[in-house]
C-alpha atoms as a PDB file:
ATOM      1  CA  MET A   1       9.522  21.177   7.178  1.00  0.00           C
ATOM      2  CA  PRO A   2       6.017  22.698   6.963  1.00  0.00           C
ATOM      3  CA  SER A   3       3.556  21.786   9.710  1.00  0.00           C
ATOM      4  CA  GLN A   4       1.243  18.939   8.845  1.00  0.00           C
ATOM      5  CA  PRO A   5      -2.044  19.974   7.226  1.00  0.00           C
ATOM      6  CA  ALA A   6      -5.344  19.221   8.897  1.00  0.00           C
ATOM      7  CA  ALA A   7      -6.365  15.606   8.447  1.00  0.00           C
ATOM      8  CA  PRO A   8      -9.354  15.098   6.132  1.00  0.00           C
ATOM      9  CA  ALA A   9     -12.534  14.398   8.119  1.00  0.00           C
ATOM     10  CA  LEU A  10     -12.962  10.864   6.822  1.00  0.00           C
ATOM     11  CA  ARG A  11     -15.218   8.575   8.837  1.00  0.00           C
ATOM     12  CA  LEU A  12     -16.676   5.136   8.197  1.00  0.00           C
ATOM     13  CA  GLN A  13     -20.461   4.972   8.400  1.00  0.00           C
ATOM     14  CA  PRO A  14     -21.914   2.872  11.273  1.00  0.00           C
ATOM     15  CA  LYS A  15     -23.869   0.674   8.832  1.00  0.00           C
ATOM     16  CA  PHE A  16     -20.659  -0.033   6.896  1.00  0.00           C
ATOM     17  CA  ILE A  17     -18.744  -0.904  10.081  1.00  0.00           C
ATOM     18  CA  LEU A  18     -21.553  -3.225  11.176  1.00  0.00           C
ATOM     19  CA  GLY A  19     -21.456  -5.076   7.855  1.00  0.00           C
ATOM     20  CA  ILE A  20     -17.687  -5.550   8.136  1.00  0.00           C
ATOM     21  CA  PHE A  21     -18.097  -6.773  11.711  1.00  0.00           C
ATOM     22  CA  PHE A  22     -20.666  -9.425  10.825  1.00  0.00           C
ATOM     23  CA  SER A  23     -18.550 -10.658   7.906  1.00  0.00           C
ATOM     24  CA  PHE A  24     -15.520 -10.755  10.186  1.00  0.00           C
ATOM     25  CA  ILE A  25     -17.357 -12.855  12.768  1.00  0.00           C
ATOM     26  CA  SER A  26     -19.026 -15.172  10.264  1.00  0.00           C
ATOM     27  CA  GLY A  27     -16.032 -15.599   7.960  1.00  0.00           C
ATOM     28  CA  HIS A  28     -18.030 -14.298   4.981  1.00  0.00           C
ATOM     29  CA  LYS A  29     -15.851 -13.248   2.026  1.00  0.00           C
ATOM     30  CA  ARG A  30     -16.078  -9.639   0.824  1.00  0.00           C
ATOM     31  CA  ASP A  31     -15.068  -7.687  -2.282  1.00  0.00           C
ATOM     32  CA  PHE A  32     -12.592  -4.944  -1.380  1.00  0.00           C
ATOM     33  CA  LEU A  33     -13.331  -2.829  -4.452  1.00  0.00           C
ATOM     34  CA  SER A  34     -17.021  -2.645  -3.539  1.00  0.00           C
ATOM     35  CA  ASP A  35     -16.207  -1.902   0.093  1.00  0.00           C
ATOM     36  CA  ALA A  36     -13.671   0.788  -0.810  1.00  0.00           C
ATOM     37  CA  ARG A  37     -16.167   2.560  -3.053  1.00  0.00           C
ATOM     38  CA  ALA A  38     -18.898   2.257  -0.421  1.00  0.00           C
ATOM     39  CA  ALA A  39     -16.578   3.693   2.249  1.00  0.00           C
ATOM     40  CA  LEU A  40     -15.849   6.758   0.091  1.00  0.00           C
ATOM     41  CA  ASP A  41     -19.357   7.195  -1.318  1.00  0.00           C
ATOM     42  CA  ARG A  42     -20.515   9.909   1.112  1.00  0.00           C
ATOM     43  CA  GLN A  43     -17.212  11.754   1.373  1.00  0.00           C
ATOM     44  CA  LYS A  44     -16.138  12.197  -2.223  1.00  0.00           C
ATOM     45  CA  GLU A  45     -15.615  15.923  -1.690  1.00  0.00           C
ATOM     46  CA  ARG A  46     -12.834  15.079   0.806  1.00  0.00           C
ATOM     47  CA  VAL A  47     -10.915  12.914  -1.666  1.00  0.00           C
ATOM     48  CA  VAL A  48      -9.495  14.447  -4.848  1.00  0.00           C
ATOM     49  CA  TYR A  49      -8.015  12.326  -7.630  1.00  0.00           C
ATOM     50  CA  SER A  50      -5.631  13.212 -10.424  1.00  0.00           C
ATOM     51  CA  GLY A  51      -4.211  11.016 -13.161  1.00  0.00           C
ATOM     52  CA  LEU A  52      -7.186   8.637 -13.266  1.00  0.00           C
ATOM     53  CA  ASN A  53      -6.695   8.313 -17.025  1.00  0.00           C
ATOM     54  CA  ARG A  54      -3.295   6.715 -16.332  1.00  0.00           C
ATOM     55  CA  ILE A  55      -4.805   3.674 -14.600  1.00  0.00           C
ATOM     56  CA  PRO A  56      -4.772   0.613 -16.891  1.00  0.00           C
ATOM     57  CA  SER A  57      -8.241  -0.630 -17.787  1.00  0.00           C
ATOM     58  CA  ARG A  58      -7.437  -4.131 -16.547  1.00  0.00           C
ATOM     59  CA  GLY A  59      -4.759  -6.177 -14.834  1.00  0.00           C
ATOM     60  CA  PRO A  60      -2.189  -7.403 -14.426  1.00  0.00           C
ATOM     61  CA  PHE A  61      -0.267  -4.533 -12.881  1.00  0.00           C
ATOM     62  CA  LEU A  62       1.404  -3.514  -9.628  1.00  0.00           C
ATOM     63  CA  VAL A  63       0.343  -0.436  -7.653  1.00  0.00           C
ATOM     64  CA  VAL A  64       2.983   1.134  -5.402  1.00  0.00           C
ATOM     65  CA  MET A  65       2.025   3.925  -2.998  1.00  0.00           C
ATOM     66  CA  ASN A  66       3.546   5.788  -0.094  1.00  0.00           C
ATOM     67  CA  HIS A  67       2.644   4.595   3.411  1.00  0.00           C
ATOM     68  CA  TYR A  68       0.962   7.907   4.200  1.00  0.00           C
ATOM     69  CA  THR A  69      -0.437   8.534   7.649  1.00  0.00           C
ATOM     70  CA  GLN A  70      -0.699  11.435  10.076  1.00  0.00           C
ATOM     71  CA  PRO A  71      -2.462  12.085  13.393  1.00  0.00           C
ATOM     72  CA  GLY A  72      -6.161  11.539  12.788  1.00  0.00           C
ATOM     73  CA  LEU A  73      -5.634   9.824   9.434  1.00  0.00           C
ATOM     74  CA  SER A  74      -4.900   6.094   9.227  1.00  0.00           C
ATOM     75  CA  VAL A  75      -3.073   4.590   6.259  1.00  0.00           C
ATOM     76  CA  MET A  76      -6.316   2.646   5.801  1.00  0.00           C
ATOM     77  CA  TRP A  77      -7.770   5.698   4.038  1.00  0.00           C
ATOM     78  CA  ALA A  78      -4.943   5.792   1.513  1.00  0.00           C
ATOM     79  CA  ALA A  79      -5.548   2.092   0.755  1.00  0.00           C
ATOM     80  CA  LEU A  80      -9.315   2.622   0.424  1.00  0.00           C
ATOM     81  CA  ALA A  81      -8.943   5.678  -1.807  1.00  0.00           C
ATOM     82  CA  VAL A  82      -6.448   3.989  -4.128  1.00  0.00           C
ATOM     83  CA  SER A  83      -8.486   0.768  -4.323  1.00  0.00           C
ATOM     84  CA  ALA A  84     -11.731   2.611  -5.096  1.00  0.00           C
ATOM     85  CA  ALA A  85     -10.218   3.965  -8.325  1.00  0.00           C
ATOM     86  CA  LEU A  86      -9.029   0.610  -9.686  1.00  0.00           C
ATOM     87  CA  PRO A  87     -10.844  -1.409 -12.396  1.00  0.00           C
ATOM     88  CA  ALA A  88     -11.096  -4.576 -10.276  1.00  0.00           C
ATOM     89  CA  ALA A  89     -10.650  -5.728  -6.690  1.00  0.00           C
ATOM     90  CA  PRO A  90      -6.929  -5.664  -5.841  1.00  0.00           C
ATOM     91  CA  VAL A  91      -4.822  -7.995  -3.751  1.00  0.00           C
ATOM     92  CA  TRP A  92      -3.049  -6.045  -1.021  1.00  0.00           C
ATOM     93  CA  LEU A  93       0.229  -7.144   0.504  1.00  0.00           C
ATOM     94  CA  MET A  94      -0.462  -6.110   4.100  1.00  0.00           C
ATOM     95  CA  THR A  95       1.294  -6.281   7.429  1.00  0.00           C
ATOM     96  CA  ALA A  96       0.552  -9.300   9.591  1.00  0.00           C
ATOM     97  CA  ALA A  97       0.454  -7.242  12.803  1.00  0.00           C
ATOM     98  CA  TRP A  98       0.674  -3.758  14.266  1.00  0.00           C
ATOM     99  CA  THR A  99       3.805  -3.388  16.375  1.00  0.00           C
ATOM    100  CA  ASN A 100       6.744  -1.212  17.327  1.00  0.00           C
ATOM    101  CA  ARG A 101       8.771  -4.286  18.341  1.00  0.00           C
ATOM    102  CA  LEU A 102       8.607  -3.319  22.025  1.00  0.00           C
ATOM    103  CA  PRO A 103       7.775  -5.394  25.142  1.00  0.00           C
ATOM    104  CA  GLY A 104       4.730  -4.930  27.349  1.00  0.00           C
ATOM    105  CA  TRP A 105       1.578  -3.418  25.880  1.00  0.00           C
ATOM    106  CA  ASP A 106       3.037  -3.319  22.385  1.00  0.00           C
ATOM    107  CA  ALA A 107       3.741  -7.060  22.468  1.00  0.00           C
ATOM    108  CA  LEU A 108       0.122  -7.687  23.500  1.00  0.00           C
ATOM    109  CA  ARG A 109      -1.109  -5.407  20.718  1.00  0.00           C
ATOM    110  CA  GLU A 110       1.018  -7.358  18.250  1.00  0.00           C
ATOM    111  CA  ARG A 111      -0.544 -10.670  19.290  1.00  0.00           C
ATOM    112  CA  LEU A 112      -4.088  -9.292  19.101  1.00  0.00           C
ATOM    113  CA  THR A 113      -3.687  -7.521  15.775  1.00  0.00           C
ATOM    114  CA  LYS A 114      -2.015 -10.560  14.259  1.00  0.00           C
ATOM    115  CA  LYS A 115      -5.251 -12.502  14.772  1.00  0.00           C
ATOM    116  CA  ILE A 116      -7.407  -9.627  13.517  1.00  0.00           C
ATOM    117  CA  PHE A 117      -5.279  -8.917  10.445  1.00  0.00           C
ATOM    118  CA  ARG A 118      -5.142 -12.603   9.507  1.00  0.00           C
ATOM    119  CA  ARG A 119      -8.950 -12.740   9.550  1.00  0.00           C
ATOM    120  CA  LEU A 120      -9.203  -9.549   7.464  1.00  0.00           C
ATOM    121  CA  ALA A 121      -6.754 -10.953   4.931  1.00  0.00           C
ATOM    122  CA  GLU A 122      -8.810 -14.127   4.634  1.00  0.00           C
ATOM    123  CA  MET A 123     -11.990 -12.087   4.221  1.00  0.00           C
ATOM    124  CA  TYR A 124     -10.590 -10.048   1.318  1.00  0.00           C
ATOM    125  CA  GLY A 125      -8.088 -12.453  -0.225  1.00  0.00           C
ATOM    126  CA  PHE A 126      -5.083 -10.375   0.837  1.00  0.00           C
ATOM    127  CA  ILE A 127      -1.590 -11.655   1.637  1.00  0.00           C
ATOM    128  CA  THR A 128       0.056 -10.885   4.974  1.00  0.00           C
ATOM    129  CA  THR A 129       3.747 -10.436   5.577  1.00  0.00           C
ATOM    130  CA  PRO A 130       5.556 -10.009   8.936  1.00  0.00           C
ATOM    131  CA  PRO A 131       5.609  -6.422  10.219  1.00  0.00           C
ATOM    132  CA  MET A 132       8.506  -4.011   9.960  1.00  0.00           C
ATOM    133  CA  PRO A 133      11.223  -3.668  10.993  1.00  0.00           C
ATOM    134  CA  PRO A 134      12.190  -7.277  10.152  1.00  0.00           C
ATOM    135  CA  VAL A 135      13.498  -9.668  12.802  1.00  0.00           C
ATOM    136  CA  ASP A 136      15.433 -12.918  12.331  1.00  0.00           C
ATOM    137  CA  ALA A 137      12.729 -15.031  13.993  1.00  0.00           C
ATOM    138  CA  GLU A 138      10.298 -14.178  11.194  1.00  0.00           C
ATOM    139  CA  LEU A 139      12.550 -14.890   8.211  1.00  0.00           C
ATOM    140  CA  GLN A 140      10.753 -18.154   7.416  1.00  0.00           C
ATOM    141  CA  GLU A 141       7.331 -16.524   7.716  1.00  0.00           C
ATOM    142  CA  ARG A 142       8.479 -13.751   5.392  1.00  0.00           C
ATOM    143  CA  ALA A 143       9.742 -16.266   2.842  1.00  0.00           C
ATOM    144  CA  ASP A 144       6.422 -18.142   3.059  1.00  0.00           C
ATOM    145  CA  SER A 145       4.564 -14.888   2.342  1.00  0.00           C
ATOM    146  CA  VAL A 146       6.622 -14.309  -0.806  1.00  0.00           C
ATOM    147  CA  ARG A 147       5.965 -17.873  -1.972  1.00  0.00           C
ATOM    148  CA  CYS A 148       2.241 -17.396  -1.374  1.00  0.00           C
ATOM    149  CA  LEU A 149       2.322 -14.159  -3.350  1.00  0.00           C
ATOM    150  CA  MET A 150       4.103 -15.750  -6.303  1.00  0.00           C
ATOM    151  CA  ALA A 151       1.610 -18.627  -6.318  1.00  0.00           C
ATOM    152  CA  VAL A 152      -1.258 -16.126  -6.561  1.00  0.00           C
ATOM    153  CA  LEU A 153       0.437 -14.287  -9.413  1.00  0.00           C
ATOM    154  CA  ARG A 154       1.097 -17.500 -11.327  1.00  0.00           C
ATOM    155  CA  HIS A 155      -2.486 -18.709 -11.086  1.00  0.00           C
ATOM    156  CA  LYS A 156      -4.383 -15.430 -11.549  1.00  0.00           C
ATOM    157  CA  SER A 157      -3.106 -13.731 -14.685  1.00  0.00           C
ATOM    158  CA  ASP A 158      -5.098 -10.501 -14.259  1.00  0.00           C
ATOM    159  CA  THR A 159      -4.043  -9.745 -10.678  1.00  0.00           C
ATOM    160  CA  ILE A 160      -3.820  -6.144  -9.500  1.00  0.00           C
ATOM    161  CA  LEU A 161      -1.358  -6.175  -6.615  1.00  0.00           C
ATOM    162  CA  CYS A 162      -1.049  -3.192  -4.271  1.00  0.00           C
ATOM    163  CA  LEU A 163       1.694  -2.494  -1.768  1.00  0.00           C
ATOM    164  CA  ALA A 164       3.458   0.290   0.087  1.00  0.00           C
ATOM    165  CA  PRO A 165       7.203  -0.447  -0.299  1.00  0.00           C
ATOM    166  CA  GLU A 166       8.093   1.347   2.964  1.00  0.00           C
ATOM    167  CA  GLY A 167       6.000  -1.147   4.940  1.00  0.00           C
ATOM    168  CA  ARG A 168       5.537   1.152   7.950  1.00  0.00           C
ATOM    169  CA  ASP A 169       4.864   4.702   9.128  1.00  0.00           C
ATOM    170  CA  PHE A 170       7.514   7.401   8.990  1.00  0.00           C
ATOM    171  CA  SER A 171       7.398  10.641  10.947  1.00  0.00           C
ATOM    172  CA  GLY A 172       5.479  13.460   9.308  1.00  0.00           C
ATOM    173  CA  GLY A 173       4.292  11.275   6.433  1.00  0.00           C
ATOM    174  CA  VAL A 174       7.690  11.779   4.761  1.00  0.00           C
ATOM    175  CA  LEU A 175       8.900   9.007   2.446  1.00  0.00           C
ATOM    176  CA  GLY A 176      11.117   6.441   4.116  1.00  0.00           C
ATOM    177  CA  THR A 177      13.449   3.766   2.814  1.00  0.00           C
ATOM    178  CA  PRO A 178      11.959   0.315   2.075  1.00  0.00           C
ATOM    179  CA  PRO A 179      13.439  -2.565   4.110  1.00  0.00           C
ATOM    180  CA  PRO A 180      16.109  -4.793   2.530  1.00  0.00           C
ATOM    181  CA  GLY A 181      14.689  -7.343   0.126  1.00  0.00           C
ATOM    182  CA  THR A 182      11.781  -5.195  -1.042  1.00  0.00           C
ATOM    183  CA  GLY A 183      13.340  -4.391  -4.396  1.00  0.00           C
ATOM    184  CA  ARG A 184      14.107  -8.023  -5.201  1.00  0.00           C
ATOM    185  CA  MET A 185      10.617  -9.101  -4.161  1.00  0.00           C
ATOM    186  CA  VAL A 186       9.007  -6.454  -6.368  1.00  0.00           C
ATOM    187  CA  LEU A 187      11.222  -7.455  -9.301  1.00  0.00           C
ATOM    188  CA  GLN A 188      10.027 -11.054  -8.894  1.00  0.00           C
ATOM    189  CA  ALA A 189       6.404  -9.911  -8.837  1.00  0.00           C
ATOM    190  CA  ALA A 190       6.954  -7.623 -11.827  1.00  0.00           C
ATOM    191  CA  LYS A 191       7.761 -10.627 -14.003  1.00  0.00           C
ATOM    192  CA  TYR A 192       4.078 -11.532 -13.733  1.00  0.00           C
ATOM    193  CA  LEU A 193       2.551  -8.063 -13.334  1.00  0.00           C
ATOM    194  CA  GLN A 194       4.665  -6.294 -15.991  1.00  0.00           C
ATOM    195  CA  ARG A 195       3.508  -2.714 -15.389  1.00  0.00           C
ATOM    196  CA  VAL A 196       4.086  -0.628 -12.252  1.00  0.00           C
ATOM    197  CA  LEU A 197       1.549   2.101 -11.451  1.00  0.00           C
ATOM    198  CA  PRO A 198       2.888   4.633  -8.909  1.00  0.00           C
ATOM    199  CA  VAL A 199       0.566   6.719  -6.759  1.00  0.00           C
ATOM    200  CA  GLY A 200       1.240   9.475  -4.267  1.00  0.00           C
ATOM    201  CA  VAL A 201      -1.220  10.091  -1.417  1.00  0.00           C
ATOM    202  CA  TYR A 202      -1.135  13.099   0.901  1.00  0.00           C
ATOM    203  CA  ALA A 203      -3.334  15.561   2.799  1.00  0.00           C
ATOM    204  CA  GLN A 204      -3.815  19.117   1.623  1.00  0.00           C
ATOM    205  CA  GLU A 205      -6.139  21.653   3.232  1.00  0.00           C
ATOM    206  CA  GLY A 206      -8.377  18.999   4.771  1.00  0.00           C
ATOM    207  CA  THR A 207      -8.510  16.943   1.561  1.00  0.00           C
ATOM    208  CA  LEU A 208      -6.942  13.596   0.748  1.00  0.00           C
ATOM    209  CA  MET A 209      -5.073  13.947  -2.547  1.00  0.00           C
ATOM    210  CA  VAL A 210      -4.564  10.798  -4.634  1.00  0.00           C
ATOM    211  CA  ASN A 211      -2.182  11.365  -7.553  1.00  0.00           C
ATOM    212  CA  PHE A 212      -1.647   8.526 -10.053  1.00  0.00           C
ATOM    213  CA  GLY A 213       1.493   8.568 -12.198  1.00  0.00           C
ATOM    214  CA  ALA A 214       2.264   7.036 -15.567  1.00  0.00           C
ATOM    215  CA  PRO A 215       2.724   3.229 -15.573  1.00  0.00           C
ATOM    216  CA  PHE A 216       6.225   1.970 -16.318  1.00  0.00           C
ATOM    217  CA  THR A 217       8.078  -1.319 -16.688  1.00  0.00           C
ATOM    218  CA  LEU A 218      10.966  -1.972 -14.316  1.00  0.00           C
ATOM    219  CA  ALA A 219      12.939  -3.914 -16.918  1.00  0.00           C
ATOM    220  CA  ASP A 220      12.847  -0.904 -19.248  1.00  0.00           C
ATOM    221  CA  THR A 221      14.083   1.586 -16.663  1.00  0.00           C
ATOM    222  CA  LEU A 222      16.767  -0.342 -14.770  1.00  0.00           C
ATOM    223  CA  PRO A 223      20.019  -2.099 -15.722  1.00  0.00           C
ATOM    224  CA  SER A 224      19.771  -5.894 -15.875  1.00  0.00           C
ATOM    225  CA  ASP A 225      22.089  -6.215 -12.854  1.00  0.00           C
ATOM    226  CA  ALA A 226      20.254  -3.630 -10.701  1.00  0.00           C
ATOM    227  CA  SER A 227      20.688  -4.163  -6.967  1.00  0.00           C
ATOM    228  CA  ASP A 228      17.901  -4.479  -4.410  1.00  0.00           C
ATOM    229  CA  GLN A 229      18.608  -0.910  -3.288  1.00  0.00           C
ATOM    230  CA  GLU A 230      18.507   0.446  -6.849  1.00  0.00           C
ATOM    231  CA  ILE A 231      15.157  -1.210  -7.520  1.00  0.00           C
ATOM    232  CA  SER A 232      13.688   0.200  -4.309  1.00  0.00           C
ATOM    233  CA  ALA A 233      15.029   3.648  -5.164  1.00  0.00           C
ATOM    234  CA  ARG A 234      13.372   3.449  -8.584  1.00  0.00           C
ATOM    235  CA  LEU A 235      10.038   2.621  -7.001  1.00  0.00           C
ATOM    236  CA  MET A 236      10.287   5.310  -4.351  1.00  0.00           C
ATOM    237  CA  GLY A 237      11.453   7.876  -6.893  1.00  0.00           C
ATOM    238  CA  SER A 238       8.351   7.242  -8.988  1.00  0.00           C
ATOM    239  CA  ILE A 239       6.188   7.868  -5.915  1.00  0.00           C
ATOM    240  CA  ALA A 240       8.200  10.916  -4.821  1.00  0.00           C
ATOM    241  CA  ALA A 241       7.573  12.582  -8.173  1.00  0.00           C
ATOM    242  CA  LEU A 242       3.846  12.557  -7.313  1.00  0.00           C
ATOM    243  CA  LEU A 243       4.201  14.181  -3.882  1.00  0.00           C
ATOM    244  CA  PRO A 244       4.837  17.717  -2.621  1.00  0.00           C
ATOM    245  CA  ALA A 245       8.548  18.438  -2.140  1.00  0.00           C
ATOM    246  CA  HIS A 246       8.347  18.408   1.687  1.00  0.00           C
ATOM    247  CA  LEU A 247       7.155  14.780   1.689  1.00  0.00           C
ATOM    248  CA  ARG A 248       9.844  13.344  -0.591  1.00  0.00           C
ATOM    249  CA  GLY A 249      12.480  12.838   2.109  1.00  0.00           C
ATOM    250  CA  ILE A 250      15.752  11.490   0.712  1.00  0.00           C
ATOM    251  CA  TYR A 251      14.072  11.218  -2.696  1.00  0.00           C
ATOM    252  CA  GLN A 252      13.868  14.999  -2.914  1.00  0.00           C
ATOM    253  CA  LEU A 253      15.407  15.156  -6.384  1.00  0.00           C
ATOM    254  CA  GLY A 254      12.867  12.640  -7.705  1.00  0.00           C
ATOM    255  CA  LYS A 255      15.208   9.753  -8.542  1.00  0.00           C
ATOM    256  CA  GLY A 256      13.468   7.469 -10.967  1.00  0.00           C
ATOM    257  CA  LYS A 257      11.050  10.147 -12.132  1.00  0.00           C
ATOM    258  CA  LEU A 258       9.656   9.466 -15.599  1.00  0.00           C
ATOM    259  CA  HIS A 259      10.236  12.186 -18.130  1.00  0.00           C
END
């Protein structure tokens, strides 16, 4: 595998961070589309888009992206860059905490970030789901998250939902396998969102590349009795087709690629 490219020099401006902080403390609601565009405003030369003409002009639709991160580059930048290109503020399905499922310091970090992430989700109207990998103790919380998501989709007909099916970091930014249940959950959501818009995000020569693919409908590209694993593979294949070969992982042959 090639060595990882230099991370793009993306930094949040102090004024922007201060505004987020005050909203966080006060409980003031914020618009994520506006914030994403503001965050990227002074660093457009470090973010390069392709396929912008493939983005639907309005919702509803589902955006699926790879959970791309590398040393010096948080997955936050992938989420900001994708969101900034959308026609309206999206709803992100985000992790409820940052954890490696380890005792000690990691357990403390999980408790702290759970409080922080819950407040961020409230501020932007996002939906949290228990972190990966899944554990039995959080099955009810995970089910509650799915119910909350479906309620949002039923009551807001133009929703743009964004998620990274992998749900966590994988070494080298290479595509990983989504956890069990992801495919079924996405298929449920797709009944309301109809179209799926894949996007591949990766670093190249100090630049963050954001490559949008052609929208597709799951029902048109899968058998009616498709399994959870088959649905997940279809989603990941659509993302893999938008990434360099060395980042595709087990999806190297581009399963699910649209022709």
